[in-house]
Amino acid sequence: MPKQNSAILLNRYIWLVDTIYSAGSISREEVDRRWCRSLLSEGEMCIPPRTFHRYKEAIQELFQINIEFNKTRGYYIENVTDIQRDDMRKWLISTFAVNNLINEGLSLRKHIGFENMPSGQRFLTTILEAIRDRNVLLVTHKGFNRPEATTFRLKPYGLKVFKQRWYVLAESEYPDHRLLVYSLDRFEKMERLEEHYDIPEDFDIQEHYANSYGVSDTKSKPRLIRFKVAASQVNYFRTLPLHPSQKEVETTDEYSVFTCFVIPTYEFCQEILSHGANVEILSPASLRNQMKVEIEKMNKLYTQ
């Protein structure tokens, strides 16, 4: 087999995971039948046994996904429950799988609507490689409210997607070596330096944002928030909770009451407001009053 670059190999790994994951269990013969129909095969009629074994090992090392075999089931994913609970791995598999499918049938582009992610491509690889190798980044950043761009060093800790934007959480030498979050679309330049840095052993970006909605605040104390949702919108909140802590605590024909234990960030308040009269904050009183003030400001715009 000719040598492939890392991007092609990654696509092949994801293809194999998605093929086995979506099938539940699958024979080696069926894997090869599907493989020869894929553009990723580059004309190969099957995945050679040694190559198949290398792919399995690489998948286990990169994604902690174990592909196992027995005579009854064929090939299957041993830790499928772990994948179902892991948002990052589910997102990775689904994103690459859709991308591969579109590339295999370009006519499908006319049947799939995409949301634009203006910051999702340009610096993503550079940041991921910097985190992997612990390289300090030299960046040029232009904030929305700053007249000029600023160049400074960053020590990236992790990446997060929110509302169609990629963000990097990083220790910044500007202004004072704090952990700050930056939208990738505000960077103008970025390069990896030979300088190295350390990330705390126990750092986990999911834990860092465990009590937050969005990206703006992780240091305030979370609060128990109660909110009422009109019956016409209840199923949307049931199927796509605002936060993992969300619970439905009261149900009637006209509305349901939910609670969540979360920091009432700017993004959280904006999300509640985006639902208009269908969602009402019940408590705490301070947050309810904050929402009231914001709604009154909005009302003034339309009554003047």
Protein backbone atom coordinates (compact mmCIF):
# COMPACT_ATOMS: atom_id res chain seq x y z
CA MET A 1 0.00 0.00 0.00
CA PRO A 2 1.41 3.45 -0.87
CA LYS A 3 2.26 5.73 2.01
CA GLN A 4 -0.62 8.03 3.02
CA ASN A 5 -0.47 11.37 4.73
CA SER A 6 -1.94 11.80 8.20
CA ALA A 7 -5.19 13.39 6.95
CA ILE A 8 -5.95 10.40 4.67
CA LEU A 9 -5.13 7.93 7.44
CA LEU A 10 -7.35 9.80 9.92
CA ASN A 11 -10.24 9.68 7.45
CA ARG A 12 -9.69 5.94 7.01
CA TYR A 13 -9.68 5.35 10.77
CA ILE A 14 -12.92 7.29 11.16
CA TRP A 15 -14.47 5.44 8.21
CA LEU A 16 -13.69 2.09 9.84
CA VAL A 17 -15.03 3.18 13.24
CA ASP A 18 -18.22 4.59 11.72
CA THR A 19 -18.76 1.48 9.58
CA ILE A 20 -18.54 -0.87 12.55
CA TYR A 21 -20.31 1.50 14.96
CA SER A 22 -23.32 2.04 12.68
CA ALA A 23 -23.60 -1.68 11.86
CA GLY A 24 -23.41 -2.80 15.48
CA SER A 25 -21.45 -5.85 14.36
CA ILE A 26 -20.12 -6.73 10.93
CA SER A 27 -18.20 -9.46 9.12
CA ARG A 28 -14.78 -8.86 7.61
CA GLU A 29 -16.23 -9.60 4.18
CA GLU A 30 -18.91 -6.92 4.59
CA VAL A 31 -16.25 -4.40 5.70
CA ASP A 32 -14.39 -5.06 2.45
CA ARG A 33 -17.58 -4.81 0.36
CA ARG A 34 -18.25 -1.38 1.81
CA TRP A 35 -14.60 -0.42 1.57
CA CYS A 36 -14.36 -1.02 -2.18
CA ARG A 37 -17.33 1.34 -2.71
CA SER A 38 -15.61 4.14 -0.76
CA LEU A 39 -13.48 6.82 -2.43
CA LEU A 40 -11.10 6.43 0.51
CA SER A 41 -10.15 2.98 -0.82
CA GLU A 42 -8.43 4.59 -3.85
CA GLY A 43 -9.36 1.57 -5.93
CA GLU A 44 -8.36 -1.10 -3.40
CA MET A 45 -10.79 -4.05 -3.31
CA CYS A 46 -10.15 -4.80 0.36
CA ILE A 47 -8.20 -3.68 3.40
CA PRO A 48 -5.22 -6.04 3.66
CA PRO A 49 -5.13 -8.01 6.96
CA ARG A 50 -1.94 -6.36 8.24
CA THR A 51 -3.27 -2.91 7.35
CA PHE A 52 -6.59 -3.70 9.06
CA HIS A 53 -4.69 -4.68 12.21
CA ARG A 54 -2.64 -1.43 12.09
CA TYR A 55 -5.83 0.59 11.74
CA LYS A 56 -7.34 -1.15 14.77
CA GLU A 57 -4.25 -0.38 16.86
CA ALA A 58 -4.17 3.26 15.75
CA ILE A 59 -7.89 3.68 16.52
CA GLN A 60 -7.37 2.27 20.00
CA GLU A 61 -4.41 4.58 20.65
CA LEU A 62 -5.95 7.76 19.22
CA PHE A 63 -9.58 7.43 20.32
CA GLN A 64 -9.54 4.72 23.02
CA ILE A 65 -12.01 2.76 20.87
CA ASN A 66 -11.51 -1.01 20.99
CA ILE A 67 -12.54 -3.01 17.90
CA GLU A 68 -13.03 -6.65 18.92
CA PHE A 69 -13.97 -9.88 17.09
CA ASN A 70 -15.76 -13.10 17.83
CA LYS A 71 -17.11 -15.83 15.53
CA THR A 72 -20.74 -15.11 16.37
CA ARG A 73 -20.82 -11.34 15.99
CA GLY A 74 -17.88 -10.61 13.73
CA TYR A 75 -16.25 -7.24 14.39
CA TYR A 76 -17.81 -4.91 16.95
CA ILE A 77 -16.87 -2.00 19.20
CA GLU A 78 -16.29 -3.25 22.72
CA ASN A 79 -16.73 0.05 24.57
CA VAL A 80 -19.67 1.39 22.55
CA THR A 81 -21.34 2.74 25.73
CA ASP A 82 -18.27 4.90 26.40
CA ILE A 83 -18.59 6.44 22.94
CA GLN A 84 -22.29 7.16 23.46
CA ARG A 85 -21.42 9.03 26.66
CA ASP A 86 -18.49 10.93 25.17
CA ASP A 87 -19.62 14.05 23.28
CA MET A 88 -16.20 14.63 21.76
CA ARG A 89 -15.91 11.15 20.25
CA LYS A 90 -19.52 11.19 19.02
CA TRP A 91 -18.97 14.58 17.38
CA LEU A 92 -15.69 13.45 15.81
CA ILE A 93 -17.18 10.28 14.35
CA SER A 94 -20.34 11.93 13.03
CA THR A 95 -18.50 14.92 11.55
CA PHE A 96 -15.92 12.85 9.69
CA ALA A 97 -18.51 10.29 8.62
CA VAL A 98 -20.72 12.96 7.03
CA ASN A 99 -17.68 14.57 5.40
CA ASN A 100 -16.60 11.24 3.92
CA LEU A 101 -20.09 10.50 2.66
CA ILE A 102 -20.34 13.90 0.94
CA ASN A 103 -16.95 13.41 -0.69
CA GLU A 104 -18.07 10.03 -2.01
CA GLY A 105 -21.18 11.49 -3.61
CA LEU A 106 -20.76 15.17 -4.43
CA SER A 107 -24.40 15.41 -5.53
CA LEU A 108 -25.34 15.09 -1.84
CA ARG A 109 -24.08 18.64 -1.28
CA LYS A 110 -27.35 19.90 -2.72
CA HIS A 111 -29.29 18.00 -0.07
CA ILE A 112 -27.41 19.00 3.09
CA GLY A 113 -27.53 22.45 4.69
CA PHE A 114 -24.46 23.54 6.64
CA GLU A 115 -23.97 26.23 9.23
CA ASN A 116 -20.99 28.45 8.59
CA MET A 117 -18.21 28.24 11.20
CA PRO A 118 -16.01 31.24 10.32
CA SER A 119 -13.26 30.31 12.75
CA GLY A 120 -13.25 26.54 12.46
CA GLN A 121 -10.44 25.86 10.02
CA ARG A 122 -7.55 28.25 9.79
CA PHE A 123 -5.75 27.80 13.13
CA LEU A 124 -7.33 24.62 14.46
CA THR A 125 -4.49 22.27 13.49
CA THR A 126 -1.82 24.65 14.79
CA ILE A 127 -3.50 24.87 18.20
CA LEU A 128 -4.06 21.11 18.47
CA GLU A 129 -0.43 20.42 17.61
CA ALA A 130 0.71 23.04 20.14
CA ILE A 131 -1.38 21.40 22.88
CA ARG A 132 -0.06 17.96 21.96
CA ASP A 133 3.59 19.05 21.93
CA ARG A 134 3.24 21.77 24.61
CA ASN A 135 4.53 24.51 22.31
CA VAL A 136 3.93 28.14 23.21
CA LEU A 137 2.09 30.05 20.47
CA LEU A 138 2.97 33.51 19.23
CA VAL A 139 -0.31 35.09 18.11
CA THR A 140 -1.55 38.35 16.65
CA HIS A 141 -5.06 39.05 17.94
CA LYS A 142 -7.56 41.77 17.00
CA GLY A 143 -10.42 42.09 19.48
CA PHE A 144 -13.75 43.51 18.34
CA ASN A 145 -13.41 46.46 20.74
CA ARG A 146 -9.73 47.20 20.19
CA PRO A 147 -8.46 49.67 17.56
CA GLU A 148 -5.26 47.73 16.82
CA ALA A 149 -4.08 44.14 16.79
CA THR A 150 -1.83 42.92 19.61
CA THR A 151 0.94 40.30 19.41
CA PHE A 152 1.65 38.14 22.45
CA ARG A 153 2.36 34.59 23.65
CA LEU A 154 -0.32 32.02 24.46
CA LYS A 155 -0.16 28.68 26.26
CA PRO A 156 -3.22 26.80 24.94
CA TYR A 157 -5.08 24.46 27.32
CA GLY A 158 -8.02 23.35 25.22
CA LEU A 159 -10.58 24.05 22.49
CA LYS A 160 -14.34 24.46 22.70
CA VAL A 161 -17.11 24.96 20.14
CA PHE A 162 -20.05 27.21 20.99
CA LYS A 163 -22.66 28.75 18.68
CA GLN A 164 -20.74 28.00 15.46
CA ARG A 165 -17.46 29.44 16.73
CA TRP A 166 -14.27 27.74 17.87
CA TYR A 167 -12.68 29.09 21.04
CA VAL A 168 -9.31 28.39 22.62
CA LEU A 169 -8.80 28.50 26.38
CA ALA A 170 -5.25 29.63 27.04
CA GLU A 171 -2.91 31.19 29.56
CA SER A 172 -2.05 34.57 28.09
CA GLU A 173 0.95 36.78 28.82
CA TYR A 174 -1.30 39.70 27.84
CA PRO A 175 -2.47 41.23 30.02
CA ASP A 176 -1.43 39.25 33.12
CA HIS A 177 -0.93 35.51 32.58
CA ARG A 178 -4.54 34.57 33.33
CA LEU A 179 -6.54 31.80 31.70
CA LEU A 180 -8.61 33.56 29.05
CA VAL A 181 -10.81 32.44 26.18
CA TYR A 182 -10.37 33.66 22.60
CA SER A 183 -12.49 33.18 19.50
CA LEU A 184 -10.33 31.77 16.74
CA ASP A 185 -11.76 34.15 14.15
CA ARG A 186 -10.12 37.10 15.95
CA PHE A 187 -6.58 35.79 15.36
CA GLU A 188 -4.73 37.27 12.41
CA LYS A 189 -1.48 35.28 12.72
CA MET A 190 -0.29 32.31 14.72
CA GLU A 191 2.95 30.33 14.91
CA ARG A 192 4.38 27.64 17.15
CA LEU A 193 7.53 28.51 19.07
CA GLU A 194 10.28 26.24 20.35
CA GLU A 195 9.42 27.42 23.85
CA HIS A 196 7.55 24.81 25.94
CA TYR A 197 5.07 25.00 28.80
CA ASP A 198 3.21 22.71 31.22
CA ILE A 199 -0.49 22.03 31.64
CA PRO A 200 -1.68 20.78 35.04
CA GLU A 201 -1.96 16.99 35.04
CA ASP A 202 -5.59 17.07 36.16
CA PHE A 203 -6.78 19.64 33.62
CA ASP A 204 -9.91 18.63 31.70
CA ILE A 205 -11.75 21.20 29.60
CA GLN A 206 -15.08 19.41 30.14
CA GLU A 207 -14.58 19.75 33.89
CA HIS A 208 -13.45 23.36 33.48
CA TYR A 209 -16.77 24.25 31.86
CA ALA A 210 -18.88 21.76 33.84
CA ASN A 211 -20.91 24.49 35.57
CA SER A 212 -21.00 26.94 32.66
CA TYR A 213 -23.19 27.59 29.67
CA GLY A 214 -21.08 29.04 26.88
CA VAL A 215 -17.49 30.19 27.28
CA SER A 216 -17.49 33.46 29.20
CA ASP A 217 -17.47 32.57 32.92
CA THR A 218 -16.13 29.59 34.84
CA LYS A 219 -15.20 31.23 38.17
CA SER A 220 -18.56 32.42 39.51
CA LYS A 221 -20.57 30.07 41.68
CA PRO A 222 -23.26 28.02 39.94
CA ARG A 223 -26.84 28.56 41.09
CA LEU A 224 -30.00 26.50 41.02
CA ILE A 225 -32.13 28.13 38.33
CA ARG A 226 -35.84 27.40 37.88
CA PHE A 227 -37.52 28.26 34.60
CA LYS A 228 -40.94 27.65 33.08
CA VAL A 229 -41.37 26.51 29.49
CA ALA A 230 -44.61 26.73 27.49
CA ALA A 231 -46.07 23.34 26.51
CA SER A 232 -45.46 24.01 22.81
CA GLN A 233 -41.68 24.19 23.48
CA VAL A 234 -41.27 21.59 26.22
CA ASN A 235 -40.15 18.76 23.94
CA TYR A 236 -37.32 20.90 22.56
CA PHE A 237 -35.94 21.28 26.10
CA ARG A 238 -36.46 17.60 26.85
CA THR A 239 -34.52 16.46 23.81
CA LEU A 240 -31.83 19.17 23.90
CA PRO A 241 -31.25 20.24 27.52
CA LEU A 242 -29.59 23.58 28.19
CA HIS A 243 -27.16 21.88 30.58
CA PRO A 244 -26.41 18.32 31.77
CA SER A 245 -27.85 19.21 35.21
CA GLN A 246 -31.26 20.09 33.75
CA LYS A 247 -34.26 18.32 35.34
CA GLU A 248 -37.99 18.53 34.71
CA VAL A 249 -39.58 19.04 38.13
CA GLU A 250 -43.18 19.96 37.28
CA THR A 251 -45.40 19.07 34.34
CA THR A 252 -48.84 20.42 33.43
CA ASP A 253 -50.89 20.67 30.25
CA GLU A 254 -49.91 24.33 29.82
CA TYR A 255 -46.22 24.31 30.83
CA SER A 256 -43.35 22.46 32.48
CA VAL A 257 -40.90 23.72 35.08
CA PHE A 258 -37.22 22.83 34.74
CA THR A 259 -34.23 23.35 36.99
CA CYS A 260 -30.53 23.43 36.20
CA PHE A 261 -27.46 24.04 38.35
CA VAL A 262 -25.35 26.42 36.30
CA ILE A 263 -23.53 29.76 36.30
CA PRO A 264 -25.96 32.34 34.84
CA THR A 265 -23.50 33.52 32.21
CA TYR A 266 -24.15 36.16 29.57
CA GLU A 267 -24.63 33.35 27.03
CA PHE A 268 -27.16 31.60 29.28
CA CYS A 269 -29.25 34.78 29.62
CA GLN A 270 -29.13 35.38 25.88
CA GLU A 271 -30.30 31.81 25.25
CA ILE A 272 -33.27 32.26 27.58
CA LEU A 273 -34.17 35.57 25.94
CA SER A 274 -33.98 33.98 22.49
CA HIS A 275 -37.08 31.90 23.34
CA GLY A 276 -39.19 35.00 23.90
CA ALA A 277 -42.40 34.58 25.87
CA ASN A 278 -42.11 30.77 25.79
CA VAL A 279 -39.56 30.68 28.62
CA GLU A 280 -39.73 32.48 31.96
CA ILE A 281 -37.10 32.58 34.71
CA LEU A 282 -38.78 31.84 38.05
CA SER A 283 -35.80 31.97 40.39
CA PRO A 284 -33.43 33.10 41.75
CA ALA A 285 -35.02 36.52 42.15
CA SER A 286 -31.82 38.35 41.20
CA LEU A 287 -31.66 36.60 37.83
CA ARG A 288 -35.37 37.11 37.24
CA ASN A 289 -34.90 40.84 37.89
CA GLN A 290 -31.87 40.92 35.58
CA MET A 291 -33.98 39.41 32.80
CA LYS A 292 -36.78 41.88 33.53
CA VAL A 293 -34.41 44.85 33.15
CA GLU A 294 -33.12 43.49 29.85
CA ILE A 295 -36.65 42.92 28.51
CA GLU A 296 -37.62 46.47 29.50
CA LYS A 297 -34.67 47.81 27.52
CA MET A 298 -35.79 45.77 24.53
CA ASN A 299 -39.36 46.97 24.94
CA LYS A 300 -38.18 50.61 24.84
CA LEU A 301 -36.57 50.03 21.45
CA TYR A 302 -39.88 49.02 19.95
CA THR A 303 -42.18 51.53 21.71
CA GLN A 304 -40.30 54.77 21.13
